[in-house]
């Protein structure tokens, strides 16, 4: 079995992580779910039984699930006693570090009713679209595009590159592909459902 620093060091880091979790009022299951981990997996970190807690990328991932940083964890350790984490040695690359997605809420979807037939037969006037601003559309999926000037467009997404967003639909119908300057686009949201109300 792999050994790491010392058991008291691991236990101190784990207890610091538990303190951060309790401060935001989350259970181990809720904290783990934010990063795709089980409550048992999270508990192993808090109990000091998983050696990865010494790795900076793991600390960023776990503390990020609690809307905190590794520095917050270090402050807790400093308050509770002498710092027990070993000093960093070697070279660290931040290029592939995990960054948790922004916190999303179950009610993050929005709705709007179409007032024209620009996307017929895909969706006609009167259809209500439910869309998710936190989700990027896939090819041939409906999308709601908010432009920087306040205009809102509903189109079928085709592709994008660094400068342009390519879509189908509009007054010319679904057969016409157009492009939008990415600098003019404030937000793109994927349509999740078409509702006839």
N, C-alpha and C. Protein backbone atom coordinates (compact mmCIF):
# COMPACT_ATOMS: atom_id res chain seq x y z
N UNK A 1 0.85 -1.19 0.00
CA UNK A 1 0.00 0.00 0.00
C UNK A 1 0.88 1.24 0.00
N UNK A 2 0.54 2.22 -0.82
CA UNK A 2 1.34 3.44 -0.92
C UNK A 2 1.24 4.24 0.37
N UNK A 3 2.39 4.73 0.81
CA UNK A 3 2.43 5.57 2.00
C UNK A 3 2.61 7.01 1.55
N UNK A 4 2.17 7.94 2.34
CA UNK A 4 2.33 9.34 2.01
C UNK A 4 2.60 10.11 3.28
N UNK A 5 3.44 11.15 3.17
CA UNK A 5 3.85 12.00 4.29
C UNK A 5 3.70 11.27 5.61
N UNK A 6 2.63 11.49 6.32
CA UNK A 6 2.37 10.76 7.56
C UNK A 6 0.87 10.78 7.81
N UNK A 7 0.41 9.82 8.58
CA UNK A 7 -1.02 9.73 8.85
C UNK A 7 -1.56 10.99 9.52
N UNK A 8 -0.83 11.59 10.50
CA UNK A 8 -1.35 12.83 11.09
C UNK A 8 -1.49 13.96 10.07
N UNK A 9 -0.56 14.03 9.09
CA UNK A 9 -0.66 15.06 8.06
C UNK A 9 -1.92 14.86 7.22
N UNK A 10 -2.16 13.62 6.81
CA UNK A 10 -3.34 13.32 6.00
C UNK A 10 -4.62 13.59 6.79
N UNK A 11 -4.61 13.22 8.07
CA UNK A 11 -5.80 13.43 8.90
C UNK A 11 -6.07 14.93 9.07
N UNK A 12 -5.01 15.73 9.22
CA UNK A 12 -5.19 17.17 9.38
C UNK A 12 -5.78 17.79 8.11
N UNK A 13 -5.26 17.38 6.93
CA UNK A 13 -5.81 17.90 5.68
C UNK A 13 -7.26 17.48 5.52
N UNK A 14 -7.55 16.22 5.83
CA UNK A 14 -8.92 15.72 5.72
C UNK A 14 -9.87 16.46 6.65
N UNK A 15 -9.43 16.72 7.87
CA UNK A 15 -10.28 17.44 8.82
C UNK A 15 -10.49 18.88 8.36
N UNK A 16 -9.46 19.49 7.76
CA UNK A 16 -9.61 20.83 7.20
C UNK A 16 -10.64 20.86 6.09
N UNK A 17 -10.61 19.82 5.23
CA UNK A 17 -11.59 19.70 4.16
C UNK A 17 -13.00 19.55 4.74
N UNK A 18 -13.13 18.73 5.79
CA UNK A 18 -14.43 18.54 6.44
C UNK A 18 -14.94 19.85 7.04
N UNK A 19 -14.03 20.64 7.62
CA UNK A 19 -14.41 21.93 8.19
C UNK A 19 -14.96 22.86 7.10
N UNK A 20 -14.28 22.89 5.94
CA UNK A 20 -14.77 23.71 4.82
C UNK A 20 -16.15 23.25 4.37
N UNK A 21 -16.33 21.93 4.27
CA UNK A 21 -17.61 21.38 3.81
C UNK A 21 -18.73 21.74 4.77
N UNK A 22 -18.48 21.57 6.08
CA UNK A 22 -19.52 21.89 7.07
C UNK A 22 -19.84 23.39 7.06
N UNK A 23 -18.85 24.21 6.77
CA UNK A 23 -19.05 25.67 6.76
C UNK A 23 -20.04 26.10 5.68
N UNK A 24 -20.10 25.35 4.57
CA UNK A 24 -21.06 25.69 3.52
C UNK A 24 -22.34 24.88 3.62
N UNK A 25 -22.44 24.02 4.65
CA UNK A 25 -23.67 23.30 4.93
C UNK A 25 -23.97 22.15 3.98
N UNK A 26 -22.94 21.49 3.47
CA UNK A 26 -23.16 20.38 2.56
C UNK A 26 -22.84 19.05 3.24
N UNK A 27 -23.56 18.01 2.84
CA UNK A 27 -23.22 16.66 3.28
C UNK A 27 -22.08 16.16 2.40
N UNK A 28 -21.47 15.04 2.79
CA UNK A 28 -20.42 14.46 1.96
C UNK A 28 -20.99 14.07 0.59
N UNK A 29 -22.21 13.56 0.57
CA UNK A 29 -22.83 13.17 -0.69
C UNK A 29 -23.05 14.38 -1.60
N UNK A 30 -23.52 15.50 -1.03
CA UNK A 30 -23.76 16.70 -1.83
C UNK A 30 -22.46 17.28 -2.37
N UNK A 31 -21.43 17.32 -1.52
CA UNK A 31 -20.13 17.84 -1.96
C UNK A 31 -19.55 16.95 -3.05
N UNK A 32 -19.62 15.64 -2.85
CA UNK A 32 -19.09 14.72 -3.85
C UNK A 32 -19.83 14.81 -5.17
N UNK A 33 -21.15 14.97 -5.11
CA UNK A 33 -21.96 15.03 -6.33
C UNK A 33 -21.57 16.22 -7.20
N UNK A 34 -21.09 17.28 -6.60
CA UNK A 34 -20.70 18.46 -7.37
C UNK A 34 -19.52 18.18 -8.29
N UNK A 35 -18.74 17.15 -7.99
CA UNK A 35 -17.59 16.82 -8.84
C UNK A 35 -17.63 15.38 -9.33
N UNK A 36 -18.81 14.77 -9.27
CA UNK A 36 -18.98 13.43 -9.79
C UNK A 36 -18.34 12.35 -8.94
N UNK A 37 -18.40 12.50 -7.64
CA UNK A 37 -17.79 11.55 -6.71
C UNK A 37 -18.86 11.07 -5.74
N UNK A 38 -18.71 9.86 -5.26
CA UNK A 38 -19.65 9.33 -4.27
C UNK A 38 -19.36 9.91 -2.90
N UNK A 39 -20.32 9.76 -1.98
CA UNK A 39 -20.09 10.22 -0.61
C UNK A 39 -18.97 9.41 0.04
N UNK A 40 -18.88 8.13 -0.32
CA UNK A 40 -17.82 7.29 0.24
C UNK A 40 -16.44 7.79 -0.23
N UNK A 41 -16.34 8.15 -1.50
CA UNK A 41 -15.07 8.67 -2.01
C UNK A 41 -14.68 9.96 -1.31
N UNK A 42 -15.66 10.84 -1.13
CA UNK A 42 -15.39 12.10 -0.42
C UNK A 42 -14.96 11.81 1.02
N UNK A 43 -15.65 10.87 1.66
CA UNK A 43 -15.33 10.53 3.05
C UNK A 43 -13.91 10.00 3.20
N UNK A 44 -13.42 9.28 2.20
CA UNK A 44 -12.04 8.77 2.26
C UNK A 44 -11.03 9.91 2.29
N UNK A 45 -11.32 10.98 1.53
CA UNK A 45 -10.44 12.16 1.60
C UNK A 45 -10.49 12.79 2.98
N UNK A 46 -11.71 12.96 3.51
CA UNK A 46 -11.84 13.62 4.83
C UNK A 46 -11.21 12.79 5.94
N UNK A 47 -11.21 11.47 5.81
CA UNK A 47 -10.63 10.63 6.86
C UNK A 47 -9.13 10.47 6.71
N UNK A 48 -8.55 11.04 5.63
CA UNK A 48 -7.11 10.95 5.43
C UNK A 48 -6.68 9.62 4.85
N UNK A 49 -7.61 8.85 4.29
CA UNK A 49 -7.28 7.52 3.76
C UNK A 49 -7.02 7.53 2.26
N UNK A 50 -7.08 8.68 1.64
CA UNK A 50 -6.74 8.79 0.22
C UNK A 50 -5.54 9.71 0.10
N UNK A 51 -4.42 9.24 -0.45
CA UNK A 51 -3.20 10.04 -0.49
C UNK A 51 -3.25 11.23 -1.43
N UNK A 52 -4.19 11.27 -2.36
CA UNK A 52 -4.23 12.35 -3.34
C UNK A 52 -4.48 13.73 -2.77
N UNK A 53 -4.91 13.83 -1.53
CA UNK A 53 -5.23 15.14 -0.96
C UNK A 53 -4.00 16.05 -0.86
N UNK A 54 -2.81 15.48 -0.97
CA UNK A 54 -1.60 16.30 -0.95
C UNK A 54 -1.32 16.94 -2.31
N UNK A 55 -1.96 16.42 -3.36
CA UNK A 55 -1.72 16.95 -4.70
C UNK A 55 -2.47 18.26 -4.88
N UNK A 56 -1.79 19.30 -5.40
CA UNK A 56 -2.46 20.60 -5.60
C UNK A 56 -3.68 20.52 -6.51
N UNK A 57 -3.63 19.69 -7.58
CA UNK A 57 -4.78 19.63 -8.47
C UNK A 57 -5.98 18.99 -7.77
N UNK A 58 -5.74 18.01 -6.91
CA UNK A 58 -6.84 17.38 -6.16
C UNK A 58 -7.41 18.38 -5.14
N UNK A 59 -6.53 19.12 -4.48
CA UNK A 59 -7.00 20.14 -3.53
C UNK A 59 -7.87 21.17 -4.24
N UNK A 60 -7.45 21.61 -5.45
CA UNK A 60 -8.26 22.60 -6.20
C UNK A 60 -9.62 22.02 -6.55
N UNK A 61 -9.64 20.75 -6.96
CA UNK A 61 -10.91 20.12 -7.35
C UNK A 61 -11.85 20.00 -6.15
N UNK A 62 -11.33 19.51 -5.03
CA UNK A 62 -12.18 19.29 -3.85
C UNK A 62 -12.64 20.61 -3.23
N UNK A 63 -11.71 21.54 -3.06
CA UNK A 63 -12.12 22.82 -2.47
C UNK A 63 -13.01 23.61 -3.42
N UNK A 64 -12.81 23.44 -4.74
CA UNK A 64 -13.68 24.11 -5.73
C UNK A 64 -15.12 23.66 -5.60
N UNK A 65 -15.34 22.39 -5.24
CA UNK A 65 -16.71 21.89 -5.03
C UNK A 65 -17.38 22.60 -3.86
N UNK A 66 -16.58 23.20 -2.99
CA UNK A 66 -17.11 23.89 -1.81
C UNK A 66 -17.06 25.40 -1.99
N UNK A 67 -16.84 25.85 -3.22
CA UNK A 67 -16.69 27.28 -3.53
C UNK A 67 -15.58 27.88 -2.68
N UNK A 68 -14.49 27.13 -2.54
CA UNK A 68 -13.34 27.57 -1.76
C UNK A 68 -12.09 27.32 -2.60
N UNK A 69 -10.93 27.59 -2.01
CA UNK A 69 -9.65 27.40 -2.69
C UNK A 69 -8.71 26.62 -1.79
N UNK A 70 -7.61 26.09 -2.35
CA UNK A 70 -6.61 25.45 -1.49
C UNK A 70 -6.05 26.40 -0.43
N UNK A 71 -6.04 27.69 -0.73
CA UNK A 71 -5.56 28.67 0.25
C UNK A 71 -6.50 28.71 1.46
N UNK A 72 -7.81 28.56 1.23
CA UNK A 72 -8.76 28.50 2.34
C UNK A 72 -8.47 27.28 3.21
N UNK A 73 -8.13 26.17 2.59
CA UNK A 73 -7.78 24.96 3.32
C UNK A 73 -6.52 25.20 4.15
N UNK A 74 -5.53 25.88 3.56
CA UNK A 74 -4.29 26.19 4.29
C UNK A 74 -4.56 27.11 5.49
N UNK A 75 -5.48 28.06 5.33
CA UNK A 75 -5.83 28.96 6.44
C UNK A 75 -6.46 28.19 7.60
N UNK A 76 -7.31 27.22 7.27
CA UNK A 76 -7.92 26.41 8.32
C UNK A 76 -6.85 25.61 9.05
N UNK A 77 -5.93 25.03 8.30
CA UNK A 77 -4.84 24.25 8.93
C UNK A 77 -3.97 25.15 9.81
N UNK A 78 -3.75 26.38 9.37
CA UNK A 78 -2.94 27.31 10.16
C UNK A 78 -3.65 27.69 11.46
N UNK A 79 -4.99 27.83 11.41
CA UNK A 79 -5.75 28.18 12.61
C UNK A 79 -5.78 27.02 13.60
N UNK A 80 -5.83 25.78 13.06
CA UNK A 80 -5.98 24.62 13.92
C UNK A 80 -4.65 24.09 14.45
N UNK A 81 -3.57 24.66 14.03
CA UNK A 81 -2.27 24.20 14.52
C UNK A 81 -1.21 24.46 13.48
N UNK A 82 0.00 23.98 13.72
CA UNK A 82 1.07 24.22 12.76
C UNK A 82 0.75 23.56 11.42
N UNK A 83 1.21 24.21 10.38
CA UNK A 83 0.96 23.67 9.05
C UNK A 83 1.60 22.30 8.93
N UNK A 84 0.81 21.34 8.49
CA UNK A 84 1.33 19.98 8.42
C UNK A 84 1.58 19.53 7.00
N UNK A 85 1.10 20.27 6.03
CA UNK A 85 1.32 19.85 4.65
C UNK A 85 2.78 20.07 4.28
N UNK A 86 3.39 19.11 3.60
CA UNK A 86 4.79 19.27 3.23
C UNK A 86 4.95 20.39 2.21
N UNK A 87 6.09 21.06 2.22
CA UNK A 87 6.30 22.13 1.24
C UNK A 87 6.33 21.53 -0.17
N UNK A 88 5.90 22.33 -1.13
CA UNK A 88 5.89 21.87 -2.51
C UNK A 88 7.31 21.71 -3.00
N UNK A 89 7.55 20.66 -3.74
CA UNK A 89 8.86 20.44 -4.33
C UNK A 89 8.67 20.10 -5.78
N UNK A 90 9.63 20.41 -6.59
CA UNK A 90 9.55 20.08 -8.01
C UNK A 90 8.79 21.13 -8.78
N UNK A 91 8.39 20.74 -9.97
CA UNK A 91 7.70 21.65 -10.87
C UNK A 91 6.25 21.25 -10.95
N UNK A 92 5.37 22.23 -10.94
CA UNK A 92 3.94 21.97 -11.02
C UNK A 92 3.40 22.61 -12.28
N UNK A 93 2.59 21.87 -13.02
CA UNK A 93 1.95 22.38 -14.22
C UNK A 93 0.48 22.61 -13.93
N UNK A 94 0.00 23.80 -14.22
CA UNK A 94 -1.42 24.10 -14.00
C UNK A 94 -2.22 23.95 -15.28
N UNK A 95 -1.57 23.57 -16.38
CA UNK A 95 -2.23 23.51 -17.67
C UNK A 95 -3.41 22.56 -17.76
N UNK A 96 -3.39 21.45 -17.03
CA UNK A 96 -4.47 20.47 -17.13
C UNK A 96 -5.24 20.37 -15.83
N UNK A 97 -5.13 21.36 -14.98
CA UNK A 97 -5.82 21.32 -13.69
C UNK A 97 -7.32 21.32 -13.89
N UNK A 98 -8.03 20.64 -13.01
CA UNK A 98 -9.48 20.58 -13.08
C UNK A 98 -10.08 21.87 -12.56
N UNK A 99 -10.98 22.42 -13.31
CA UNK A 99 -11.74 23.58 -12.86
C UNK A 99 -13.20 23.16 -12.82
N UNK A 100 -13.81 23.18 -11.65
CA UNK A 100 -15.20 22.74 -11.59
C UNK A 100 -16.09 23.69 -12.39
N UNK A 101 -17.14 23.16 -12.98
CA UNK A 101 -18.05 24.03 -13.73
C UNK A 101 -18.74 25.00 -12.78
N UNK A 102 -19.19 26.13 -13.33
CA UNK A 102 -19.91 27.05 -12.45
C UNK A 102 -21.13 26.35 -11.86
N UNK A 103 -21.47 26.76 -10.67
CA UNK A 103 -22.61 26.14 -9.99
C UNK A 103 -23.87 26.38 -10.80
N UNK A 104 -24.60 25.28 -11.03
CA UNK A 104 -25.84 25.38 -11.78
C UNK A 104 -26.99 24.98 -10.89
N UNK A 105 -28.11 25.59 -11.12
CA UNK A 105 -29.30 25.31 -10.33
C UNK A 105 -30.29 24.54 -11.19
N UNK A 106 -31.14 23.78 -10.55
CA UNK A 106 -32.12 22.97 -11.26
C UNK A 106 -33.05 23.84 -12.11
N UNK A 107 -33.29 25.06 -11.68
CA UNK A 107 -34.20 25.94 -12.42
C UNK A 107 -33.45 26.88 -13.35
N UNK A 108 -32.31 26.45 -13.87
CA UNK A 108 -31.49 27.30 -14.74
C UNK A 108 -32.11 27.46 -16.12
N UNK A 109 -33.10 26.65 -16.48
CA UNK A 109 -33.69 26.77 -17.81
C UNK A 109 -34.62 27.98 -17.87
N UNK A 110 -34.76 28.50 -19.08
CA UNK A 110 -35.65 29.63 -19.34
C UNK A 110 -36.62 29.22 -20.44
N UNK A 111 -37.68 29.99 -20.62
CA UNK A 111 -38.66 29.72 -21.66
C UNK A 111 -38.98 30.98 -22.45
N UNK A 112 -39.34 30.75 -23.71
CA UNK A 112 -39.80 31.85 -24.56
C UNK A 112 -40.75 31.27 -25.61
N UNK A 113 -41.69 32.09 -26.07
CA UNK A 113 -42.64 31.65 -27.09
C UNK A 113 -42.26 32.27 -28.43
N UNK A 114 -42.23 31.44 -29.46
CA UNK A 114 -41.92 31.94 -30.80
C UNK A 114 -43.07 32.77 -31.33
N UNK A 115 -42.74 33.85 -32.00
CA UNK A 115 -43.79 34.73 -32.55
C UNK A 115 -43.74 34.78 -34.06
N UNK A 116 -42.91 33.92 -34.70
CA UNK A 116 -42.85 33.88 -36.16
C UNK A 116 -42.57 32.45 -36.62
N UNK A 117 -42.57 32.26 -37.93
CA UNK A 117 -42.34 30.93 -38.51
C UNK A 117 -40.94 30.81 -39.11
N UNK A 118 -39.97 31.55 -38.60
CA UNK A 118 -38.61 31.51 -39.14
C UNK A 118 -37.99 30.12 -39.07
N UNK A 119 -38.45 29.26 -38.16
CA UNK A 119 -37.86 27.93 -38.01
C UNK A 119 -38.82 26.82 -38.41
N UNK A 120 -39.92 27.15 -39.08
CA UNK A 120 -40.87 26.11 -39.51
C UNK A 120 -40.18 25.24 -40.56
N UNK A 121 -40.37 23.95 -40.55
CA UNK A 121 -41.28 23.16 -39.73
C UNK A 121 -40.68 22.71 -38.39
N UNK A 122 -39.41 23.04 -38.12
CA UNK A 122 -38.79 22.62 -36.86
C UNK A 122 -39.59 23.13 -35.67
N UNK A 123 -39.98 24.38 -35.71
CA UNK A 123 -40.82 24.98 -34.67
C UNK A 123 -41.56 26.16 -35.29
N UNK A 124 -42.86 26.20 -35.08
CA UNK A 124 -43.69 27.24 -35.69
C UNK A 124 -44.09 28.28 -34.64
N UNK A 125 -44.70 29.33 -35.11
CA UNK A 125 -45.19 30.39 -34.24
C UNK A 125 -46.11 29.80 -33.16
N UNK A 126 -45.93 30.25 -31.93
CA UNK A 126 -46.74 29.78 -30.82
C UNK A 126 -46.08 28.69 -30.00
N UNK A 127 -45.05 28.02 -30.54
CA UNK A 127 -44.34 26.98 -29.80
C UNK A 127 -43.49 27.64 -28.71
N UNK A 128 -43.51 27.04 -27.53
CA UNK A 128 -42.69 27.53 -26.41
C UNK A 128 -41.40 26.72 -26.39
N UNK A 129 -40.28 27.43 -26.37
CA UNK A 129 -38.97 26.79 -26.30
C UNK A 129 -38.45 26.87 -24.88
N UNK A 130 -37.96 25.75 -24.38
CA UNK A 130 -37.29 25.73 -23.09
C UNK A 130 -35.80 25.60 -23.40
N UNK A 131 -34.99 26.54 -22.89
CA UNK A 131 -33.57 26.54 -23.22
C UNK A 131 -32.72 26.71 -21.98
N UNK A 132 -31.47 26.24 -22.09
CA UNK A 132 -30.54 26.20 -20.96
C UNK A 132 -29.33 27.08 -21.27
N UNK A 133 -29.21 28.24 -20.63
CA UNK A 133 -28.09 29.15 -20.89
C UNK A 133 -26.73 28.56 -20.51
N UNK A 134 -26.72 27.51 -19.70
CA UNK A 134 -25.46 26.90 -19.29
C UNK A 134 -25.01 25.78 -20.20
N UNK A 135 -25.71 25.56 -21.30
CA UNK A 135 -25.38 24.43 -22.18
C UNK A 135 -25.18 24.93 -23.61
N UNK A 136 -24.08 24.52 -24.24
CA UNK A 136 -23.78 24.88 -25.62
C UNK A 136 -24.53 23.90 -26.53
N UNK A 137 -25.12 24.37 -27.63
CA UNK A 137 -25.90 23.48 -28.50
C UNK A 137 -25.02 22.54 -29.34
N UNK A 138 -25.62 21.45 -29.77
CA UNK A 138 -24.98 20.51 -30.70
C UNK A 138 -25.44 20.87 -32.12
N UNK A 139 -24.75 20.31 -33.10
CA UNK A 139 -25.11 20.56 -34.51
C UNK A 139 -26.57 20.20 -34.76
N UNK A 140 -27.27 21.05 -35.47
CA UNK A 140 -28.69 20.91 -35.83
C UNK A 140 -29.63 20.95 -34.63
N UNK A 141 -29.15 21.43 -33.50
CA UNK A 141 -30.00 21.63 -32.32
C UNK A 141 -30.41 23.10 -32.27
N UNK A 142 -31.62 23.34 -31.83
CA UNK A 142 -32.09 24.71 -31.69
C UNK A 142 -31.25 25.46 -30.66
N UNK A 143 -31.10 26.76 -30.88
CA UNK A 143 -30.37 27.58 -29.91
C UNK A 143 -30.99 28.97 -29.85
N UNK A 144 -30.88 29.56 -28.69
CA UNK A 144 -31.34 30.93 -28.47
C UNK A 144 -30.08 31.78 -28.34
N UNK A 145 -29.97 32.78 -29.18
CA UNK A 145 -28.77 33.61 -29.23
C UNK A 145 -29.14 35.02 -28.80
N UNK A 146 -28.51 35.49 -27.74
CA UNK A 146 -28.69 36.88 -27.31
C UNK A 146 -27.50 37.68 -27.83
N UNK A 147 -27.79 38.72 -28.59
CA UNK A 147 -26.74 39.57 -29.14
C UNK A 147 -26.41 40.69 -28.16
N UNK A 148 -25.25 41.26 -28.33
CA UNK A 148 -24.80 42.34 -27.44
C UNK A 148 -25.72 43.55 -27.51
N UNK A 149 -26.42 43.76 -28.63
CA UNK A 149 -27.31 44.92 -28.75
C UNK A 149 -28.70 44.67 -28.16
N UNK A 150 -28.91 43.48 -27.55
CA UNK A 150 -30.19 43.17 -26.92
C UNK A 150 -31.14 42.36 -27.78
N UNK A 151 -30.79 42.13 -29.03
CA UNK A 151 -31.62 41.34 -29.93
C UNK A 151 -31.53 39.87 -29.55
N UNK A 152 -32.65 39.16 -29.65
CA UNK A 152 -32.67 37.71 -29.38
C UNK A 152 -33.07 36.99 -30.67
N UNK A 153 -32.26 36.01 -31.06
CA UNK A 153 -32.51 35.21 -32.26
C UNK A 153 -32.69 33.75 -31.85
N UNK A 154 -33.53 33.04 -32.59
CA UNK A 154 -33.68 31.60 -32.41
C UNK A 154 -33.29 30.97 -33.74
N UNK A 155 -32.31 30.08 -33.71
CA UNK A 155 -31.78 29.46 -34.92
C UNK A 155 -31.43 28.00 -34.66
N UNK A 156 -31.05 27.28 -35.72
CA UNK A 156 -30.50 25.93 -35.59
C UNK A 156 -28.98 26.07 -35.67
N UNK A 157 -28.31 25.61 -34.64
CA UNK A 157 -26.85 25.72 -34.57
C UNK A 157 -26.20 24.78 -35.58
N UNK A 158 -25.15 25.26 -36.25
CA UNK A 158 -24.39 24.43 -37.19
C UNK A 158 -22.96 24.22 -36.71
N UNK A 159 -22.24 25.31 -36.48
CA UNK A 159 -20.85 25.20 -36.02
C UNK A 159 -20.39 26.58 -35.57
N UNK A 160 -19.14 26.60 -35.08
CA UNK A 160 -18.55 27.88 -34.65
C UNK A 160 -17.05 27.77 -34.78
N UNK A 161 -16.42 28.90 -34.97
CA UNK A 161 -14.96 28.97 -34.89
C UNK A 161 -14.63 30.18 -34.04
N UNK A 162 -13.40 30.58 -34.02
CA UNK A 162 -13.00 31.68 -33.16
C UNK A 162 -13.64 33.01 -33.48
N UNK A 163 -14.05 33.19 -34.75
CA UNK A 163 -14.58 34.48 -35.18
C UNK A 163 -16.07 34.49 -35.50
N UNK A 164 -16.62 33.35 -35.92
CA UNK A 164 -17.99 33.32 -36.42
C UNK A 164 -18.79 32.20 -35.79
N UNK A 165 -20.10 32.41 -35.73
CA UNK A 165 -21.08 31.42 -35.30
C UNK A 165 -21.96 31.14 -36.51
N UNK A 166 -22.06 29.87 -36.92
CA UNK A 166 -22.81 29.50 -38.12
C UNK A 166 -24.12 28.84 -37.73
N UNK A 167 -25.22 29.38 -38.27
CA UNK A 167 -26.56 28.93 -37.91
C UNK A 167 -27.45 28.84 -39.14
N UNK A 168 -28.57 28.13 -39.00
CA UNK A 168 -29.59 28.05 -40.04
C UNK A 168 -30.88 28.66 -39.51
N UNK A 169 -31.69 29.17 -40.43
CA UNK A 169 -32.98 29.73 -40.05
C UNK A 169 -33.00 31.23 -40.18
N UNK A 170 -34.15 31.79 -39.87
CA UNK A 170 -34.33 33.22 -39.98
C UNK A 170 -35.40 33.51 -41.02
N UNK A 171 -35.54 34.77 -41.42
CA UNK A 171 -36.57 35.13 -42.38
C UNK A 171 -36.48 34.36 -43.71
N UNK A 172 -35.27 33.92 -44.09
CA UNK A 172 -35.10 33.19 -45.35
C UNK A 172 -35.43 31.71 -45.20
N UNK A 173 -35.73 31.23 -43.99
CA UNK A 173 -36.10 29.84 -43.76
C UNK A 173 -34.93 28.97 -43.34
N UNK A 174 -35.23 27.70 -43.10
CA UNK A 174 -34.22 26.76 -42.61
C UNK A 174 -33.15 26.42 -43.64
N UNK A 175 -33.43 26.66 -44.92
CA UNK A 175 -32.45 26.34 -45.96
C UNK A 175 -31.29 27.31 -46.00
N UNK A 176 -31.42 28.46 -45.38
CA UNK A 176 -30.38 29.48 -45.45
C UNK A 176 -29.45 29.40 -44.25
N UNK A 177 -28.15 29.27 -44.53
CA UNK A 177 -27.14 29.30 -43.46
C UNK A 177 -26.56 30.70 -43.39
N UNK A 178 -26.50 31.24 -42.20
CA UNK A 178 -25.92 32.56 -41.99
C UNK A 178 -24.84 32.46 -40.93
N UNK A 179 -24.07 33.52 -40.81
CA UNK A 179 -23.04 33.54 -39.78
C UNK A 179 -23.15 34.83 -38.99
N UNK A 180 -22.75 34.74 -37.74
CA UNK A 180 -22.78 35.90 -36.85
C UNK A 180 -21.37 36.14 -36.31
N UNK A 181 -21.01 37.39 -36.18
CA UNK A 181 -19.72 37.75 -35.60
C UNK A 181 -19.73 37.38 -34.12
N UNK A 182 -18.75 36.59 -33.65
CA UNK A 182 -18.72 36.16 -32.25
C UNK A 182 -18.65 37.34 -31.29
N UNK A 183 -18.05 38.45 -31.72
CA UNK A 183 -17.97 39.64 -30.86
C UNK A 183 -19.34 40.26 -30.62
N UNK A 184 -20.30 40.00 -31.52
CA UNK A 184 -21.64 40.56 -31.38
C UNK A 184 -22.55 39.65 -30.56
N UNK A 185 -22.09 38.44 -30.22
CA UNK A 185 -22.90 37.46 -29.50
C UNK A 185 -22.59 37.54 -28.01
N UNK A 186 -23.63 37.80 -27.22
CA UNK A 186 -23.47 37.87 -25.77
C UNK A 186 -23.65 36.50 -25.11
N UNK A 187 -24.57 35.68 -25.65
CA UNK A 187 -24.87 34.39 -25.02
C UNK A 187 -25.50 33.45 -26.04
N UNK A 188 -25.15 32.17 -25.95
CA UNK A 188 -25.76 31.13 -26.77
C UNK A 188 -26.27 30.07 -25.81
N UNK A 189 -27.54 29.68 -25.96
CA UNK A 189 -28.15 28.69 -25.08
C UNK A 189 -28.80 27.59 -25.90
N UNK A 190 -28.61 26.35 -25.47
CA UNK A 190 -29.18 25.20 -26.18
C UNK A 190 -30.66 25.05 -25.85
N UNK A 191 -31.47 24.80 -26.88
CA UNK A 191 -32.89 24.50 -26.67
C UNK A 191 -32.99 23.06 -26.19
N UNK A 192 -33.69 22.87 -25.07
CA UNK A 192 -33.86 21.54 -24.50
C UNK A 192 -35.20 20.91 -24.85
N UNK A 193 -36.21 21.75 -25.11
CA UNK A 193 -37.54 21.19 -25.39
C UNK A 193 -38.36 22.19 -26.20
N UNK A 194 -39.27 21.63 -27.03
CA UNK A 194 -40.26 22.42 -27.76
C UNK A 194 -41.61 22.02 -27.19
N UNK A 195 -42.34 22.98 -26.67
CA UNK A 195 -43.60 22.70 -26.01
C UNK A 195 -44.75 23.38 -26.74
N UNK A 196 -45.77 22.63 -27.08
CA UNK A 196 -46.98 23.21 -27.67
C UNK A 196 -47.93 23.54 -26.54
N UNK A 197 -48.11 24.82 -26.25
CA UNK A 197 -48.97 25.21 -25.13
C UNK A 197 -50.19 25.93 -25.65
